[in-house]
């Protein structure tokens, strides 16, 4: 709950990986009424653990969101992620760009 806790949680899950990409797709607003809306979006996540073993996963799922407008600002009131496909057999390949190192150098 809260922006700082969400950012810390995401960073803690992503930063240990050699490669981690989140690819959101197909944002759809299902209903909009006054200060409340429901929406959904598809997320494809691919990650590879460090060590060059190819350990990692592919995840494909759907976010189901409820957002509310409070004082003119839209915020998540509820968010559920449903995994539709998960392949934890690995993520082989070579990491070609080290984005974490690039970001740290800035």
C-alpha atoms as a PDB file:
ATOM      1  CA  UNK A   1       0.000   0.000   0.000  1.00  0.00           C
ATOM      2  CA  UNK A   2       1.346   3.396  -0.940  1.00  0.00           C
ATOM      3  CA  UNK A   3       3.679   4.564  -3.682  1.00  0.00           C
ATOM      4  CA  UNK A   4       6.957   4.036  -1.782  1.00  0.00           C
ATOM      5  CA  UNK A   5       6.021   0.510  -0.664  1.00  0.00           C
ATOM      6  CA  UNK A   6       4.925  -0.450  -4.171  1.00  0.00           C
ATOM      7  CA  UNK A   7       8.180   0.889  -5.684  1.00  0.00           C
ATOM      8  CA  UNK A   8      10.265  -0.943  -3.069  1.00  0.00           C
ATOM      9  CA  UNK A   9       8.377  -4.191  -3.676  1.00  0.00           C
ATOM     10  CA  UNK A  10       8.860  -4.017  -7.435  1.00  0.00           C
ATOM     11  CA  UNK A  11      12.522  -3.087  -7.086  1.00  0.00           C
ATOM     12  CA  UNK A  12      13.095  -5.984  -4.684  1.00  0.00           C
ATOM     13  CA  UNK A  13      11.560  -8.447  -7.137  1.00  0.00           C
ATOM     14  CA  UNK A  14      13.270  -7.101 -10.255  1.00  0.00           C
ATOM     15  CA  UNK A  15      16.754  -5.959  -9.210  1.00  0.00           C
ATOM     16  CA  UNK A  16      18.242  -9.393  -8.390  1.00  0.00           C
ATOM     17  CA  UNK A  17      17.625 -10.606 -11.959  1.00  0.00           C
ATOM     18  CA  UNK A  18      20.129 -10.456 -14.804  1.00  0.00           C
ATOM     19  CA  UNK A  19      17.251  -9.539 -17.099  1.00  0.00           C
ATOM     20  CA  UNK A  20      13.683  -8.549 -16.340  1.00  0.00           C
ATOM     21  CA  UNK A  21      11.162  -7.095 -18.765  1.00  0.00           C
ATOM     22  CA  UNK A  22       7.526  -6.220 -18.112  1.00  0.00           C
ATOM     23  CA  UNK A  23       5.495  -5.609 -21.253  1.00  0.00           C
ATOM     24  CA  UNK A  24       1.969  -4.237 -20.670  1.00  0.00           C
ATOM     25  CA  UNK A  25      -0.495  -4.537 -23.548  1.00  0.00           C
ATOM     26  CA  UNK A  26      -4.104  -3.837 -24.490  1.00  0.00           C
ATOM     27  CA  UNK A  27      -5.353  -1.409 -21.860  1.00  0.00           C
ATOM     28  CA  UNK A  28      -9.162  -1.448 -21.840  1.00  0.00           C
ATOM     29  CA  UNK A  29     -11.500   0.686 -19.752  1.00  0.00           C
ATOM     30  CA  UNK A  30     -14.513  -1.553 -19.167  1.00  0.00           C
ATOM     31  CA  UNK A  31     -16.692   0.953 -17.351  1.00  0.00           C
ATOM     32  CA  UNK A  32     -16.465   4.605 -16.449  1.00  0.00           C
ATOM     33  CA  UNK A  33     -18.959   6.350 -14.255  1.00  0.00           C
ATOM     34  CA  UNK A  34     -18.357   9.496 -12.296  1.00  0.00           C
ATOM     35  CA  UNK A  35     -15.332   8.968 -10.103  1.00  0.00           C
ATOM     36  CA  UNK A  36     -14.971   5.206 -10.571  1.00  0.00           C
ATOM     37  CA  UNK A  37     -13.757   3.029 -13.419  1.00  0.00           C
ATOM     38  CA  UNK A  38     -12.919  -0.607 -14.022  1.00  0.00           C
ATOM     39  CA  UNK A  39     -10.141  -1.549 -16.400  1.00  0.00           C
ATOM     40  CA  UNK A  40      -8.013  -4.462 -17.507  1.00  0.00           C
ATOM     41  CA  UNK A  41      -4.702  -4.970 -19.226  1.00  0.00           C
ATOM     42  CA  UNK A  42      -2.487  -7.829 -20.328  1.00  0.00           C
ATOM     43  CA  UNK A  43       1.003  -8.238 -18.885  1.00  0.00           C
ATOM     44  CA  UNK A  44       3.800 -10.339 -20.391  1.00  0.00           C
ATOM     45  CA  UNK A  45       6.740 -10.707 -18.030  1.00  0.00           C
ATOM     46  CA  UNK A  46      10.062 -12.321 -18.901  1.00  0.00           C
ATOM     47  CA  UNK A  47      12.985 -12.663 -16.537  1.00  0.00           C
ATOM     48  CA  UNK A  48      16.315 -14.432 -16.242  1.00  0.00           C
ATOM     49  CA  UNK A  49      18.138 -15.062 -12.985  1.00  0.00           C
ATOM     50  CA  UNK A  50      21.843 -14.179 -12.670  1.00  0.00           C
ATOM     51  CA  UNK A  51      24.584 -16.734 -13.152  1.00  0.00           C
ATOM     52  CA  UNK A  52      24.175 -17.572 -16.833  1.00  0.00           C
ATOM     53  CA  UNK A  53      22.176 -20.752 -16.167  1.00  0.00           C
ATOM     54  CA  UNK A  54      19.128 -19.617 -18.153  1.00  0.00           C
ATOM     55  CA  UNK A  55      16.978 -19.993 -15.035  1.00  0.00           C
ATOM     56  CA  UNK A  56      13.952 -17.737 -15.280  1.00  0.00           C
ATOM     57  CA  UNK A  57      10.377 -17.660 -16.499  1.00  0.00           C
ATOM     58  CA  UNK A  58       7.749 -16.294 -18.850  1.00  0.00           C
ATOM     59  CA  UNK A  59       4.451 -15.135 -17.327  1.00  0.00           C
ATOM     60  CA  UNK A  60       1.319 -14.025 -19.160  1.00  0.00           C
ATOM     61  CA  UNK A  61      -1.576 -12.639 -17.177  1.00  0.00           C
ATOM     62  CA  UNK A  62      -4.379 -10.146 -16.874  1.00  0.00           C
ATOM     63  CA  UNK A  63      -4.699  -7.213 -14.494  1.00  0.00           C
ATOM     64  CA  UNK A  64      -8.231  -6.427 -13.332  1.00  0.00           C
ATOM     65  CA  UNK A  65      -8.344  -2.938 -11.834  1.00  0.00           C
ATOM     66  CA  UNK A  66     -10.734  -0.629 -10.069  1.00  0.00           C
ATOM     67  CA  UNK A  67      -9.652   2.999 -10.076  1.00  0.00           C
ATOM     68  CA  UNK A  68     -11.226   5.952  -8.288  1.00  0.00           C
ATOM     69  CA  UNK A  69     -10.826   9.696  -8.664  1.00  0.00           C
ATOM     70  CA  UNK A  70     -10.123  11.506  -5.418  1.00  0.00           C
ATOM     71  CA  UNK A  71      -9.529  15.257  -5.519  1.00  0.00           C
ATOM     72  CA  UNK A  72      -9.116  15.072  -9.291  1.00  0.00           C
ATOM     73  CA  UNK A  73      -6.435  12.341  -9.188  1.00  0.00           C
ATOM     74  CA  UNK A  74      -7.084   8.773 -10.433  1.00  0.00           C
ATOM     75  CA  UNK A  75      -5.689   6.079  -8.128  1.00  0.00           C
ATOM     76  CA  UNK A  76      -5.949   2.327  -7.854  1.00  0.00           C
ATOM     77  CA  UNK A  77      -8.623   1.230  -5.405  1.00  0.00           C
ATOM     78  CA  UNK A  78      -8.157  -2.474  -6.155  1.00  0.00           C
ATOM     79  CA  UNK A  79      -5.877  -4.509  -8.396  1.00  0.00           C
ATOM     80  CA  UNK A  80      -5.928  -8.249  -9.054  1.00  0.00           C
ATOM     81  CA  UNK A  81      -3.447 -10.085 -11.283  1.00  0.00           C
ATOM     82  CA  UNK A  82      -4.582 -13.401 -12.743  1.00  0.00           C
ATOM     83  CA  UNK A  83      -1.848 -15.585 -14.239  1.00  0.00           C
ATOM     84  CA  UNK A  84      -3.078 -17.318 -17.395  1.00  0.00           C
ATOM     85  CA  UNK A  85       0.211 -18.941 -18.447  1.00  0.00           C
ATOM     86  CA  UNK A  86       3.472 -19.477 -16.625  1.00  0.00           C
ATOM     87  CA  UNK A  87       6.503 -21.231 -18.030  1.00  0.00           C
ATOM     88  CA  UNK A  88       9.080 -21.581 -15.265  1.00  0.00           C
ATOM     89  CA  UNK A  89      11.238 -23.942 -17.337  1.00  0.00           C
ATOM     90  CA  UNK A  90      13.750 -21.168 -17.875  1.00  0.00           C
ATOM     91  CA  UNK A  91      14.592 -18.226 -20.037  1.00  0.00           C
ATOM     92  CA  UNK A  92      17.597 -19.144 -22.160  1.00  0.00           C
ATOM     93  CA  UNK A  93      19.485 -16.524 -24.116  1.00  0.00           C
ATOM     94  CA  UNK A  94      22.183 -13.936 -23.690  1.00  0.00           C
ATOM     95  CA  UNK A  95      21.502 -10.600 -22.023  1.00  0.00           C
ATOM     96  CA  UNK A  96      22.604  -8.105 -24.665  1.00  0.00           C
ATOM     97  CA  UNK A  97      22.077  -4.807 -22.810  1.00  0.00           C
ATOM     98  CA  UNK A  98      22.651  -4.320 -19.089  1.00  0.00           C
ATOM     99  CA  UNK A  99      20.016  -1.640 -18.406  1.00  0.00           C
ATOM    100  CA  UNK A 100      20.651  -1.720 -14.651  1.00  0.00           C
ATOM    101  CA  UNK A 101      24.297  -0.751 -15.194  1.00  0.00           C
ATOM    102  CA  UNK A 102      23.281   1.976 -17.668  1.00  0.00           C
ATOM    103  CA  UNK A 103      20.779   3.435 -15.198  1.00  0.00           C
ATOM    104  CA  UNK A 104      23.312   3.337 -12.363  1.00  0.00           C
ATOM    105  CA  UNK A 105      25.865   5.204 -14.504  1.00  0.00           C
ATOM    106  CA  UNK A 106      23.501   8.163 -15.014  1.00  0.00           C
END
